[in-house]
C-alpha atoms as a PDB file:
ATOM      1  CA  MET A   1      48.274  35.386   1.532  1.00  0.00           C
ATOM      2  CA  GLY A   2      51.614  33.618   1.942  1.00  0.00           C
ATOM      3  CA  ARG A   3      51.927  30.447   3.985  1.00  0.00           C
ATOM      4  CA  GLY A   4      53.758  32.199   6.818  1.00  0.00           C
ATOM      5  CA  LEU A   5      51.134  34.910   7.156  1.00  0.00           C
ATOM      6  CA  ARG A   6      48.358  32.318   6.898  1.00  0.00           C
ATOM      7  CA  LEU A   7      49.879  30.304   9.746  1.00  0.00           C
ATOM      8  CA  MET A   8      50.322  33.402  11.880  1.00  0.00           C
ATOM      9  CA  SER A   9      46.687  34.259  11.275  1.00  0.00           C
ATOM     10  CA  ARG A  10      45.523  30.715  12.129  1.00  0.00           C
ATOM     11  CA  TYR A  11      47.399  30.598  15.438  1.00  0.00           C
ATOM     12  CA  ALA A  12      47.339  34.310  16.291  1.00  0.00           C
ATOM     13  CA  ARG A  13      45.129  33.994  19.395  1.00  0.00           C
ATOM     14  CA  GLN A  14      47.280  31.167  20.721  1.00  0.00           C
ATOM     15  CA  MET A  15      50.578  32.886  19.914  1.00  0.00           C
ATOM     16  CA  ALA A  16      49.364  35.999  21.725  1.00  0.00           C
ATOM     17  CA  LEU A  17      49.841  34.116  24.971  1.00  0.00           C
ATOM     18  CA  PRO A  18      53.274  34.970  26.415  1.00  0.00           C
ATOM     19  CA  GLU A  19      53.733  31.317  27.407  1.00  0.00           C
ATOM     20  CA  VAL A  20      53.328  30.272  23.739  1.00  0.00           C
ATOM     21  CA  GLY A  21      54.525  33.010  21.398  1.00  0.00           C
ATOM     22  CA  THR A  22      56.372  32.409  18.136  1.00  0.00           C
ATOM     23  CA  ALA A  23      58.904  30.050  19.705  1.00  0.00           C
ATOM     24  CA  GLY A  24      56.230  27.925  21.340  1.00  0.00           C
ATOM     25  CA  GLN A  25      54.219  27.694  18.137  1.00  0.00           C
ATOM     26  CA  ALA A  26      57.316  26.555  16.273  1.00  0.00           C
ATOM     27  CA  ARG A  27      57.905  23.962  18.984  1.00  0.00           C
ATOM     28  CA  LEU A  28      54.393  22.584  18.493  1.00  0.00           C
ATOM     29  CA  ALA A  29      54.899  22.482  14.729  1.00  0.00           C
ATOM     30  CA  ARG A  30      57.972  20.279  15.226  1.00  0.00           C
ATOM     31  CA  ALA A  31      56.272  17.965  17.724  1.00  0.00           C
ATOM     32  CA  HIS A  32      55.172  14.398  17.069  1.00  0.00           C
ATOM     33  CA  VAL A  33      52.421  12.947  19.273  1.00  0.00           C
ATOM     34  CA  LEU A  34      51.230   9.339  19.309  1.00  0.00           C
ATOM     35  CA  VAL A  35      47.515   9.046  20.144  1.00  0.00           C
ATOM     36  CA  VAL A  36      46.457   5.513  21.064  1.00  0.00           C
ATOM     37  CA  GLY A  37      42.679   5.226  20.763  1.00  0.00           C
ATOM     38  CA  VAL A  38      40.564   7.270  18.363  1.00  0.00           C
ATOM     39  CA  GLY A  39      37.273   7.053  20.224  1.00  0.00           C
ATOM     40  CA  GLY A  40      35.464   9.196  22.776  1.00  0.00           C
ATOM     41  CA  LEU A  41      38.647  10.524  24.371  1.00  0.00           C
ATOM     42  CA  GLY A  42      40.770  10.441  21.234  1.00  0.00           C
ATOM     43  CA  ALA A  43      38.309  12.482  19.179  1.00  0.00           C
ATOM     44  CA  PRO A  44      38.555  15.737  21.219  1.00  0.00           C
ATOM     45  CA  VAL A  45      42.268  15.149  21.861  1.00  0.00           C
ATOM     46  CA  LEU A  46      42.937  15.000  18.114  1.00  0.00           C
ATOM     47  CA  GLN A  47      40.736  17.965  17.284  1.00  0.00           C
ATOM     48  CA  TYR A  48      42.494  20.203  19.802  1.00  0.00           C
ATOM     49  CA  LEU A  49      46.019  19.001  19.055  1.00  0.00           C
ATOM     50  CA  ALA A  50      45.431  19.487  15.337  1.00  0.00           C
ATOM     51  CA  GLY A  51      43.810  22.855  15.963  1.00  0.00           C
ATOM     52  CA  ALA A  52      46.777  23.949  18.077  1.00  0.00           C
ATOM     53  CA  GLY A  53      49.206  23.134  15.260  1.00  0.00           C
ATOM     54  CA  VAL A  54      50.951  19.990  16.515  1.00  0.00           C
ATOM     55  CA  GLY A  55      52.825  19.128  13.342  1.00  0.00           C
ATOM     56  CA  GLN A  56      52.757  15.348  13.310  1.00  0.00           C
ATOM     57  CA  LEU A  57      50.131  12.990  14.714  1.00  0.00           C
ATOM     58  CA  THR A  58      50.212   9.192  14.663  1.00  0.00           C
ATOM     59  CA  LEU A  59      46.803   7.602  15.200  1.00  0.00           C
ATOM     60  CA  LEU A  60      46.577   4.022  16.452  1.00  0.00           C
ATOM     61  CA  ASP A  61      43.216   2.225  16.662  1.00  0.00           C
ATOM     62  CA  PRO A  62      41.990  -1.024  15.028  1.00  0.00           C
ATOM     63  CA  ASP A  63      38.255  -0.259  15.207  1.00  0.00           C
ATOM     64  CA  ARG A  64      35.711   1.009  12.697  1.00  0.00           C
ATOM     65  CA  VAL A  65      33.154   3.759  13.231  1.00  0.00           C
ATOM     66  CA  GLU A  66      29.782   2.526  14.532  1.00  0.00           C
ATOM     67  CA  GLU A  67      26.574   4.501  14.933  1.00  0.00           C
ATOM     68  CA  SER A  68      26.602   3.832  18.699  1.00  0.00           C
ATOM     69  CA  ASN A  69      29.902   5.778  18.846  1.00  0.00           C
ATOM     70  CA  LEU A  70      28.509   9.026  17.528  1.00  0.00           C
ATOM     71  CA  HIS A  71      26.908  10.420  20.706  1.00  0.00           C
ATOM     72  CA  ARG A  72      30.358  10.887  22.226  1.00  0.00           C
ATOM     73  CA  GLN A  73      32.848  10.552  19.348  1.00  0.00           C
ATOM     74  CA  VAL A  74      31.881  13.839  17.766  1.00  0.00           C
ATOM     75  CA  LEU A  75      34.773  13.883  15.301  1.00  0.00           C
ATOM     76  CA  PHE A  76      32.815  11.393  13.162  1.00  0.00           C
ATOM     77  CA  THR A  77      29.614  11.646  11.105  1.00  0.00           C
ATOM     78  CA  MET A  78      27.041   9.211   9.735  1.00  0.00           C
ATOM     79  CA  ALA A  79      29.030   9.097   6.505  1.00  0.00           C
ATOM     80  CA  ASP A  80      31.964   7.579   8.411  1.00  0.00           C
ATOM     81  CA  ILE A  81      30.087   4.509   9.658  1.00  0.00           C
ATOM     82  CA  GLY A  82      31.936   1.360   8.683  1.00  0.00           C
ATOM     83  CA  GLN A  83      35.186   3.192   7.951  1.00  0.00           C
ATOM     84  CA  PRO A  84      38.375   2.631   9.969  1.00  0.00           C
ATOM     85  CA  LYS A  85      38.418   5.235  12.717  1.00  0.00           C
ATOM     86  CA  VAL A  86      41.993   6.251  11.948  1.00  0.00           C
ATOM     87  CA  SER A  87      41.233   6.876   8.258  1.00  0.00           C
ATOM     88  CA  ALA A  88      38.041   8.804   8.966  1.00  0.00           C
ATOM     89  CA  ALA A  89      39.825  10.846  11.631  1.00  0.00           C
ATOM     90  CA  GLN A  90      42.706  11.607   9.269  1.00  0.00           C
ATOM     91  CA  ALA A  91      40.284  12.939   6.637  1.00  0.00           C
ATOM     92  CA  HIS A  92      38.511  15.209   9.132  1.00  0.00           C
ATOM     93  CA  LEU A  93      41.737  16.510  10.659  1.00  0.00           C
ATOM     94  CA  MET A  94      43.326  17.233   7.289  1.00  0.00           C
ATOM     95  CA  ALA A  95      40.182  19.042   6.172  1.00  0.00           C
ATOM     96  CA  ARG A  96      40.512  21.304   9.210  1.00  0.00           C
ATOM     97  CA  ASN A  97      44.267  21.795   9.006  1.00  0.00           C
ATOM     98  CA  PRO A  98      45.902  20.609   5.762  1.00  0.00           C
ATOM     99  CA  GLY A  99      49.358  21.532   7.008  1.00  0.00           C
ATOM    100  CA  LEU A 100      49.461  18.539   9.373  1.00  0.00           C
ATOM    101  CA  THR A 101      51.164  15.197   8.877  1.00  0.00           C
ATOM    102  CA  VAL A 102      48.855  12.393  10.033  1.00  0.00           C
ATOM    103  CA  HIS A 103      49.816   8.709  10.139  1.00  0.00           C
ATOM    104  CA  PRO A 104      46.689   6.479  10.399  1.00  0.00           C
ATOM    105  CA  LEU A 105      47.461   2.990  11.719  1.00  0.00           C
ATOM    106  CA  ALA A 106      44.510   0.596  12.045  1.00  0.00           C
ATOM    107  CA  GLU A 107      46.447  -1.701  14.342  1.00  0.00           C
ATOM    108  CA  VAL A 108      46.305  -3.062  17.888  1.00  0.00           C
ATOM    109  CA  LEU A 109      48.977  -1.931  20.322  1.00  0.00           C
ATOM    110  CA  SER A 110      50.587  -4.786  22.240  1.00  0.00           C
ATOM    111  CA  ALA A 111      53.593  -5.557  24.395  1.00  0.00           C
ATOM    112  CA  ALA A 112      55.226  -7.019  21.290  1.00  0.00           C
ATOM    113  CA  ASN A 113      54.928  -3.952  19.051  1.00  0.00           C
ATOM    114  CA  VAL A 114      54.877  -0.968  21.428  1.00  0.00           C
ATOM    115  CA  ALA A 115      58.564  -0.218  20.789  1.00  0.00           C
ATOM    116  CA  ARG A 116      57.821   0.162  17.084  1.00  0.00           C
ATOM    117  CA  TYR A 117      55.405   3.008  17.737  1.00  0.00           C
ATOM    118  CA  LEU A 118      57.434   4.772  20.418  1.00  0.00           C
ATOM    119  CA  GLY A 119      60.917   4.376  18.985  1.00  0.00           C
ATOM    120  CA  ASP A 120      63.917   5.914  20.697  1.00  0.00           C
ATOM    121  CA  ARG A 121      64.601   9.559  21.203  1.00  0.00           C
ATOM    122  CA  ASP A 122      67.524  11.789  22.015  1.00  0.00           C
ATOM    123  CA  LEU A 123      67.054  13.868  25.160  1.00  0.00           C
ATOM    124  CA  GLY A 124      68.830  16.753  23.434  1.00  0.00           C
ATOM    125  CA  ASP A 125      67.739  18.668  20.364  1.00  0.00           C
ATOM    126  CA  GLY A 126      68.138  15.774  17.928  1.00  0.00           C
ATOM    127  CA  TYR A 127      65.973  12.753  17.342  1.00  0.00           C
ATOM    128  CA  LEU A 128      66.828   9.150  16.654  1.00  0.00           C
ATOM    129  CA  SER A 129      65.173   7.053  13.977  1.00  0.00           C
ATOM    130  CA  ASN A 130      61.898   5.194  14.518  1.00  0.00           C
ATOM    131  CA  GLY A 131      61.462   3.669  11.081  1.00  0.00           C
ATOM    132  CA  ASP A 132      59.102   5.597   8.849  1.00  0.00           C
ATOM    133  CA  LEU A 133      57.239   7.282  11.703  1.00  0.00           C
ATOM    134  CA  GLY A 134      60.000   9.216  13.390  1.00  0.00           C
ATOM    135  CA  ALA A 135      60.479   9.497  17.149  1.00  0.00           C
ATOM    136  CA  VAL A 136      57.552  10.683  19.230  1.00  0.00           C
ATOM    137  CA  ASP A 137      57.752  13.455  21.819  1.00  0.00           C
ATOM    138  CA  LEU A 138      54.665  12.521  23.817  1.00  0.00           C
ATOM    139  CA  VAL A 139      52.071   9.746  24.035  1.00  0.00           C
ATOM    140  CA  VAL A 140      48.352  10.160  24.667  1.00  0.00           C
ATOM    141  CA  ASP A 141      46.578   7.110  26.081  1.00  0.00           C
ATOM    142  CA  ALA A 142      42.940   7.365  25.022  1.00  0.00           C
ATOM    143  CA  ALA A 143      42.331   3.645  24.566  1.00  0.00           C
ATOM    144  CA  ASP A 144      40.115   2.803  27.567  1.00  0.00           C
ATOM    145  CA  SER A 145      41.965  -0.492  28.141  1.00  0.00           C
ATOM    146  CA  PHE A 146      43.837  -1.646  31.234  1.00  0.00           C
ATOM    147  CA  ALA A 147      46.317  -3.635  29.155  1.00  0.00           C
ATOM    148  CA  THR A 148      47.042  -0.751  26.793  1.00  0.00           C
ATOM    149  CA  SER A 149      47.464   1.741  29.634  1.00  0.00           C
ATOM    150  CA  TYR A 150      49.953  -0.394  31.554  1.00  0.00           C
ATOM    151  CA  ILE A 151      51.869  -1.445  28.432  1.00  0.00           C
ATOM    152  CA  LEU A 152      52.223   2.205  27.424  1.00  0.00           C
ATOM    153  CA  SER A 153      53.160   3.264  30.941  1.00  0.00           C
ATOM    154  CA  ASP A 154      55.898   0.620  31.233  1.00  0.00           C
ATOM    155  CA  ALA A 155      57.325   1.538  27.827  1.00  0.00           C
ATOM    156  CA  CYS A 156      57.167   5.308  28.418  1.00  0.00           C
ATOM    157  CA  LEU A 157      58.755   5.001  31.859  1.00  0.00           C
ATOM    158  CA  ALA A 158      61.667   3.038  30.393  1.00  0.00           C
ATOM    159  CA  ARG A 159      62.217   5.742  27.740  1.00  0.00           C
ATOM    160  CA  GLY A 160      61.571   8.833  29.849  1.00  0.00           C
ATOM    161  CA  LEU A 161      58.689   9.675  27.515  1.00  0.00           C
ATOM    162  CA  PRO A 162      55.715  11.731  28.803  1.00  0.00           C
ATOM    163  CA  LEU A 163      52.377   9.917  28.871  1.00  0.00           C
ATOM    164  CA  ILE A 164      49.024  11.684  29.227  1.00  0.00           C
ATOM    165  CA  SER A 165      46.493   9.052  30.239  1.00  0.00           C
ATOM    166  CA  ALA A 166      42.775   9.308  30.995  1.00  0.00           C
ATOM    167  CA  SER A 167      39.762   7.211  31.804  1.00  0.00           C
ATOM    168  CA  VAL A 168      36.044   7.975  31.944  1.00  0.00           C
ATOM    169  CA  LEU A 169      32.939   6.029  32.922  1.00  0.00           C
ATOM    170  CA  ALA A 170      29.355   7.119  33.474  1.00  0.00           C
ATOM    171  CA  GLN A 171      29.730  10.764  34.625  1.00  0.00           C
ATOM    172  CA  ARG A 172      33.198  10.530  36.184  1.00  0.00           C
ATOM    173  CA  GLY A 173      36.730  10.554  34.866  1.00  0.00           C
ATOM    174  CA  TYR A 174      40.323  11.562  35.415  1.00  0.00           C
ATOM    175  CA  VAL A 175      43.337  12.671  33.397  1.00  0.00           C
ATOM    176  CA  GLY A 176      46.946  12.555  34.541  1.00  0.00           C
ATOM    177  CA  GLY A 177      50.484  13.218  33.422  1.00  0.00           C
ATOM    178  CA  PHE A 178      52.727  10.189  33.868  1.00  0.00           C
ATOM    179  CA  CYS A 179      56.296   9.075  33.173  1.00  0.00           C
ATOM    180  CA  GLY A 180      58.797  11.489  31.684  1.00  0.00           C
ATOM    181  CA  ALA A 181      60.055  13.156  34.854  1.00  0.00           C
ATOM    182  CA  ALA A 182      57.094  11.821  36.856  1.00  0.00           C
ATOM    183  CA  PRO A 183      56.080   8.455  38.347  1.00  0.00           C
ATOM    184  CA  SER A 184      54.329   5.960  36.112  1.00  0.00           C
ATOM    185  CA  LEU A 185      50.689   4.924  35.994  1.00  0.00           C
ATOM    186  CA  ARG A 186      51.639   1.899  38.126  1.00  0.00           C
ATOM    187  CA  ALA A 187      52.905   4.167  40.890  1.00  0.00           C
ATOM    188  CA  LEU A 188      49.483   5.790  41.178  1.00  0.00           C
ATOM    189  CA  PHE A 189      47.453   2.665  40.404  1.00  0.00           C
ATOM    190  CA  PRO A 190      49.495  -0.328  41.607  1.00  0.00           C
ATOM    191  CA  GLU A 191      46.385  -2.536  41.465  1.00  0.00           C
ATOM    192  CA  LEU A 192      43.541  -2.951  38.981  1.00  0.00           C
ATOM    193  CA  PRO A 193      39.958  -2.392  40.145  1.00  0.00           C
ATOM    194  CA  GLU A 194      37.855  -5.361  41.216  1.00  0.00           C
ATOM    195  CA  SER A 195      35.631  -5.179  38.140  1.00  0.00           C
ATOM    196  CA  ALA A 196      36.110  -4.327  34.481  1.00  0.00           C
ATOM    197  CA  ALA A 197      33.167  -2.021  33.805  1.00  0.00           C
ATOM    198  CA  SER A 198      33.238  -0.287  30.428  1.00  0.00           C
ATOM    199  CA  CYS A 199      31.291   2.389  28.598  1.00  0.00           C
ATOM    200  CA  ALA A 200      29.381  -0.396  26.834  1.00  0.00           C
ATOM    201  CA  SER A 201      28.405  -2.106  30.095  1.00  0.00           C
ATOM    202  CA  ALA A 202      28.061   0.842  32.502  1.00  0.00           C
ATOM    203  CA  GLY A 203      27.205   3.689  30.101  1.00  0.00           C
ATOM    204  CA  VAL A 204      28.742   7.121  29.700  1.00  0.00           C
ATOM    205  CA  MET A 205      27.686  10.736  29.134  1.00  0.00           C
ATOM    206  CA  GLY A 206      29.156  12.268  25.986  1.00  0.00           C
ATOM    207  CA  PRO A 207      30.002  15.729  27.395  1.00  0.00           C
ATOM    208  CA  VAL A 208      32.014  14.187  30.250  1.00  0.00           C
ATOM    209  CA  VAL A 209      34.102  12.269  27.719  1.00  0.00           C
ATOM    210  CA  GLY A 210      34.611  15.477  25.756  1.00  0.00           C
ATOM    211  CA  ALA A 211      35.650  17.406  28.861  1.00  0.00           C
ATOM    212  CA  ILE A 212      38.204  14.778  29.880  1.00  0.00           C
ATOM    213  CA  GLY A 213      39.522  14.578  26.323  1.00  0.00           C
ATOM    214  CA  ALA A 214      39.907  18.361  26.193  1.00  0.00           C
ATOM    215  CA  LEU A 215      41.875  18.249  29.451  1.00  0.00           C
ATOM    216  CA  GLN A 216      44.106  15.541  27.961  1.00  0.00           C
ATOM    217  CA  ALA A 217      44.841  17.792  25.002  1.00  0.00           C
ATOM    218  CA  GLN A 218      45.577  20.764  27.283  1.00  0.00           C
ATOM    219  CA  MET A 219      47.939  18.675  29.414  1.00  0.00           C
ATOM    220  CA  ALA A 220      49.670  17.408  26.280  1.00  0.00           C
ATOM    221  CA  LEU A 221      50.141  20.931  24.928  1.00  0.00           C
ATOM    222  CA  LYS A 222      51.434  22.262  28.266  1.00  0.00           C
ATOM    223  CA  THR A 223      53.915  19.379  28.410  1.00  0.00           C
ATOM    224  CA  LEU A 224      55.123  19.960  24.858  1.00  0.00           C
ATOM    225  CA  LEU A 225      55.519  23.680  25.562  1.00  0.00           C
ATOM    226  CA  GLY A 226      57.373  23.101  28.817  1.00  0.00           C
ATOM    227  CA  HIS A 227      54.929  25.100  30.929  1.00  0.00           C
ATOM    228  CA  SER A 228      55.309  25.404  34.683  1.00  0.00           C
ATOM    229  CA  PRO A 229      53.833  23.980  36.796  1.00  0.00           C
ATOM    230  CA  ALA A 230      54.193  20.890  34.659  1.00  0.00           C
ATOM    231  CA  PRO A 231      51.206  18.555  34.193  1.00  0.00           C
ATOM    232  CA  LEU A 232      53.465  15.541  34.796  1.00  0.00           C
ATOM    233  CA  GLY A 233      52.909  14.179  38.283  1.00  0.00           C
ATOM    234  CA  ARG A 234      49.398  15.628  38.568  1.00  0.00           C
ATOM    235  CA  VAL A 235      45.888  14.212  38.195  1.00  0.00           C
ATOM    236  CA  MET A 236      42.666  16.122  37.547  1.00  0.00           C
ATOM    237  CA  GLN A 237      39.290  14.544  38.304  1.00  0.00           C
ATOM    238  CA  ILE A 238      35.793  15.428  37.122  1.00  0.00           C
ATOM    239  CA  ASP A 239      32.614  14.114  38.747  1.00  0.00           C
ATOM    240  CA  MET A 240      29.639  15.542  36.927  1.00  0.00           C
ATOM    241  CA  ALA A 241      27.250  13.402  38.975  1.00  0.00           C
ATOM    242  CA  ASP A 242      28.156  15.607  41.954  1.00  0.00           C
ATOM    243  CA  LEU A 243      29.328  18.602  39.892  1.00  0.00           C
ATOM    244  CA  THR A 244      32.804  18.578  41.450  1.00  0.00           C
ATOM    245  CA  LEU A 245      36.322  19.131  40.141  1.00  0.00           C
ATOM    246  CA  SER A 246      39.520  18.241  41.982  1.00  0.00           C
ATOM    247  CA  SER A 247      43.226  17.667  41.458  1.00  0.00           C
ATOM    248  CA  PHE A 248      46.195  16.302  43.344  1.00  0.00           C
ATOM    249  CA  ASP A 249      49.937  15.811  43.063  1.00  0.00           C
ATOM    250  CA  PHE A 250      51.482  12.326  42.973  1.00  0.00           C
ATOM    251  CA  SER A 251      55.037  13.274  42.065  1.00  0.00           C
ATOM    252  CA  SER A 252      56.405  11.523  45.170  1.00  0.00           C
ATOM    253  CA  ALA A 253      54.643   8.204  44.489  1.00  0.00           C
ATOM    254  CA  CYS A 254      56.918   5.151  44.405  1.00  0.00           C
ATOM    255  CA  GLU A 255      57.048   2.522  41.687  1.00  0.00           C
ATOM    256  CA  PRO A 256      55.638  -0.847  42.856  1.00  0.00           C
ATOM    257  CA  ALA A 257      58.175  -3.526  43.716  1.00  0.00           C
ATOM    258  CA  ASP A 258      56.245  -6.480  42.279  1.00  0.00           C
ATOM    259  CA  PRO A 259      54.462  -5.372  39.097  1.00  0.00           C
ATOM    260  CA  LEU A 260      52.310  -7.737  37.064  1.00  0.00           C
ATOM    261  CA  ARG A 261      53.078  -7.082  33.407  1.00  0.00           C
ATOM    262  CA  PHE A 262      50.951  -7.621  30.332  1.00  0.00           C
ATOM    263  CA  ILE A 263      52.309  -9.867  27.603  1.00  0.00           C
ATOM    264  CA  SER A 264      51.465 -10.681  23.967  1.00  0.00           C
ATOM    265  CA  PRO A 265      50.992 -14.220  22.611  1.00  0.00           C
ATOM    266  CA  GLU A 266      54.149 -14.015  20.502  1.00  0.00           C
ATOM    267  CA  LEU A 267      56.230 -13.171  23.583  1.00  0.00           C
ATOM    268  CA  ILE A 268      55.112 -16.158  25.685  1.00  0.00           C
ATOM    269  CA  PRO A 269      58.162 -18.342  26.492  1.00  0.00           C
ATOM    270  CA  ALA A 270      58.095 -21.912  25.180  1.00  0.00           C
ATOM    271  CA  GLN A 271      58.390 -23.308  28.714  1.00  0.00           C
ATOM    272  CA  ALA A 272      55.581 -21.142  30.135  1.00  0.00           C
ATOM    273  CA  GLN A 273      52.525 -22.692  31.754  1.00  0.00           C
ATOM    274  CA  VAL A 274      49.544 -20.865  30.229  1.00  0.00           C
ATOM    275  CA  ILE A 275      46.196 -20.823  32.029  1.00  0.00           C
ATOM    276  CA  ASP A 276      42.989 -19.529  30.438  1.00  0.00           C
ATOM    277  CA  LEU A 277      40.770 -18.331  33.287  1.00  0.00           C
ATOM    278  CA  ARG A 278      37.655 -17.915  31.128  1.00  0.00           C
ATOM    279  CA  PRO A 279      34.920 -20.571  31.106  1.00  0.00           C
ATOM    280  CA  VAL A 280      34.178 -22.365  27.860  1.00  0.00           C
ATOM    281  CA  GLU A 281      30.799 -20.606  27.686  1.00  0.00           C
ATOM    282  CA  GLU A 282      32.570 -17.253  27.508  1.00  0.00           C
ATOM    283  CA  ALA A 283      35.309 -18.286  25.093  1.00  0.00           C
ATOM    284  CA  PRO A 284      34.952 -21.618  23.265  1.00  0.00           C
ATOM    285  CA  GLN A 285      38.508 -21.341  21.925  1.00  0.00           C
ATOM    286  CA  PRO A 286      41.457 -21.087  24.347  1.00  0.00           C
ATOM    287  CA  ALA A 287      43.488 -17.888  24.374  1.00  0.00           C
ATOM    288  CA  VAL A 288      46.519 -19.607  22.816  1.00  0.00           C
ATOM    289  CA  SER A 289      47.265 -23.097  21.622  1.00  0.00           C
ATOM    290  CA  GLY A 290      48.138 -25.387  24.510  1.00  0.00           C
ATOM    291  CA  ALA A 291      46.524 -23.216  27.186  1.00  0.00           C
ATOM    292  CA  ARG A 292      44.854 -25.069  30.042  1.00  0.00           C
ATOM    293  CA  ARG A 293      41.486 -23.970  31.368  1.00  0.00           C
ATOM    294  CA  CYS A 294      41.006 -23.335  35.055  1.00  0.00           C
ATOM    295  CA  LEU A 295      38.624 -20.912  36.754  1.00  0.00           C
ATOM    296  CA  PRO A 296      40.320 -18.353  39.054  1.00  0.00           C
ATOM    297  CA  ASP A 297      38.981 -19.643  42.367  1.00  0.00           C
ATOM    298  CA  ASP A 298      39.775 -23.234  41.442  1.00  0.00           C
ATOM    299  CA  LEU A 299      43.323 -22.303  40.457  1.00  0.00           C
ATOM    300  CA  ILE A 300      43.932 -20.350  43.662  1.00  0.00           C
ATOM    301  CA  ALA A 301      42.518 -23.159  45.820  1.00  0.00           C
ATOM    302  CA  ALA A 302      44.525 -25.837  44.024  1.00  0.00           C
ATOM    303  CA  ASN A 303      47.763 -23.936  44.639  1.00  0.00           C
ATOM    304  CA  SER A 304      47.051 -22.939  48.230  1.00  0.00           C
ATOM    305  CA  ILE A 305      49.200 -24.000  51.143  1.00  0.00           C
ATOM    306  CA  ALA A 306      46.708 -26.761  51.906  1.00  0.00           C
ATOM    307  CA  ALA A 307      47.112 -28.283  48.453  1.00  0.00           C
ATOM    308  CA  PRO A 308      50.371 -29.107  46.678  1.00  0.00           C
ATOM    309  CA  PRO A 309      51.116 -27.224  43.411  1.00  0.00           C
ATOM    310  CA  ALA A 310      50.838 -30.508  41.564  1.00  0.00           C
ATOM    311  CA  ALA A 311      47.099 -30.418  42.275  1.00  0.00           C
ATOM    312  CA  ALA A 312      46.825 -27.927  39.453  1.00  0.00           C
ATOM    313  CA  GLY A 313      49.875 -29.173  37.627  1.00  0.00           C
ATOM    314  CA  LEU A 314      51.706 -25.850  38.071  1.00  0.00           C
ATOM    315  CA  GLU A 315      55.313 -25.259  39.031  1.00  0.00           C
ATOM    316  CA  PRO A 316      55.995 -22.041  40.981  1.00  0.00           C
ATOM    317  CA  GLY A 317      59.439 -21.734  39.426  1.00  0.00           C
ATOM    318  CA  LEU A 318      58.247 -21.692  35.810  1.00  0.00           C
ATOM    319  CA  PRO A 319      56.928 -18.670  33.867  1.00  0.00           C
ATOM    320  CA  THR A 320      53.161 -18.514  34.281  1.00  0.00           C
ATOM    321  CA  VAL A 321      50.812 -16.667  31.935  1.00  0.00           C
ATOM    322  CA  LEU A 322      47.257 -16.012  33.105  1.00  0.00           C
ATOM    323  CA  CYS A 323      44.664 -15.178  30.444  1.00  0.00           C
ATOM    324  CA  CYS A 324      41.269 -13.460  30.638  1.00  0.00           C
ATOM    325  CA  ARG A 325      39.315 -10.855  28.679  1.00  0.00           C
ATOM    326  CA  SER A 326      40.392  -7.559  30.280  1.00  0.00           C
ATOM    327  CA  GLY A 327      43.156  -8.637  32.650  1.00  0.00           C
ATOM    328  CA  VAL A 328      41.166  -8.107  35.861  1.00  0.00           C
ATOM    329  CA  ARG A 329      40.624 -11.787  36.691  1.00  0.00           C
ATOM    330  CA  ALA A 330      44.192 -12.627  35.729  1.00  0.00           C
ATOM    331  CA  TRP A 331      45.510  -9.792  37.905  1.00  0.00           C
ATOM    332  CA  ARG A 332      43.549 -10.924  40.965  1.00  0.00           C
ATOM    333  CA  THR A 333      44.607 -14.530  40.425  1.00  0.00           C
ATOM    334  CA  GLY A 334      48.211 -13.498  39.816  1.00  0.00           C
ATOM    335  CA  ARG A 335      48.381 -11.630  43.115  1.00  0.00           C
ATOM    336  CA  ALA A 336      47.069 -14.710  44.930  1.00  0.00           C
ATOM    337  CA  LEU A 337      49.646 -16.935  43.233  1.00  0.00           C
ATOM    338  CA  GLN A 338      52.446 -14.483  44.025  1.00  0.00           C
ATOM    339  CA  ALA A 339      51.557 -14.879  47.678  1.00  0.00           C
ATOM    340  CA  GLN A 340      51.977 -18.634  47.192  1.00  0.00           C
ATOM    341  CA  GLY A 341      55.483 -18.360  45.769  1.00  0.00           C
ATOM    342  CA  PHE A 342      54.924 -17.836  42.034  1.00  0.00           C
ATOM    343  CA  ASN A 343      57.308 -15.073  40.946  1.00  0.00           C
ATOM    344  CA  GLN A 344      57.235 -15.200  37.127  1.00  0.00           C
ATOM    345  CA  ILE A 345      53.631 -14.246  36.362  1.00  0.00           C
ATOM    346  CA  GLU A 346      52.478 -12.283  33.326  1.00  0.00           C
ATOM    347  CA  ILE A 347      49.005 -11.412  32.085  1.00  0.00           C
ATOM    348  CA  LEU A 348      47.441 -11.867  28.671  1.00  0.00           C
ATOM    349  CA  ALA A 349      44.356  -9.710  28.096  1.00  0.00           C
ATOM    350  CA  VAL A 350      42.592 -11.450  25.229  1.00  0.00           C
ATOM    351  CA  GLY A 351      39.864  -8.878  24.612  1.00  0.00           C
ATOM    352  CA  ASP A 352      36.384  -9.584  23.327  1.00  0.00           C
ATOM    353  CA  PRO A 353      35.810 -12.557  21.008  1.00  0.00           C
ATOM    354  CA  VAL A 354      35.583 -11.636  17.320  1.00  0.00           C
END
């Protein structure tokens, strides 16, 4: 069987849909999708995008496969334990569909390197260069990280690039279409939650992760195919604890006027005052060289109206970088300092100690 007939056979059931057809399948074959996070959400996203015939996939994740991943990251097997997730995923995807192009990058996305992965793109039929990777048409945020989600959202909004982002915890989750022609993640979530619960700390049911990941893939495919109504500007929610599904439109949401942005160590200005909000017991080494330690409540109190800024040695007019593990403490502290006249605040999410 020739390659053309083989491809038509592979995608026949999908191409039978009038909203896909031969033209839509060719569009998917030309598409390039960046998937950030190759874990519980990324695994079903990749399987369905590869199965649908998306021609080029770039995988970005620094982690290795662990046995505790396998109950929800069903792309992997016991034989993959200890391997980089991106390499193991590439092998499984290519085994399923050898016609794909898969770029495995075992790297951490940051504010400093996000442009490298997104590149620039022409809004017409042509594409501009993005180094060896080529320009991407759509980004999938499957990283389960506040910092990554907001960094991607800011970068995609600036480029007019569609972003399909999702989050899941316990038995609940959501997936939404952001940026492109829609508002950003910040417009829908202008503030971080009060706590930074994770799958490791709060637990998660595998099938819920799979369901949310499958919805991410479907939203990505509908966006690439230009279906109407468009997924951009919409959120779908699943709550399997109560067995409910819901959705809503946020296409009229406004971008926040005073965003707190995430930064990378290499982007911190030389004159910045850097505060590590973590106690020594949590992180013996400071986030960056020269960072001062101060707990959030102490920092807020020291810079309150009742106490002069010099009490904490901070100058409201200088760039201020607040550091913590996930960004939640830094965000809360940053909002309090903004109310006290600090207007150049950025957040450094350090992550877990290694």
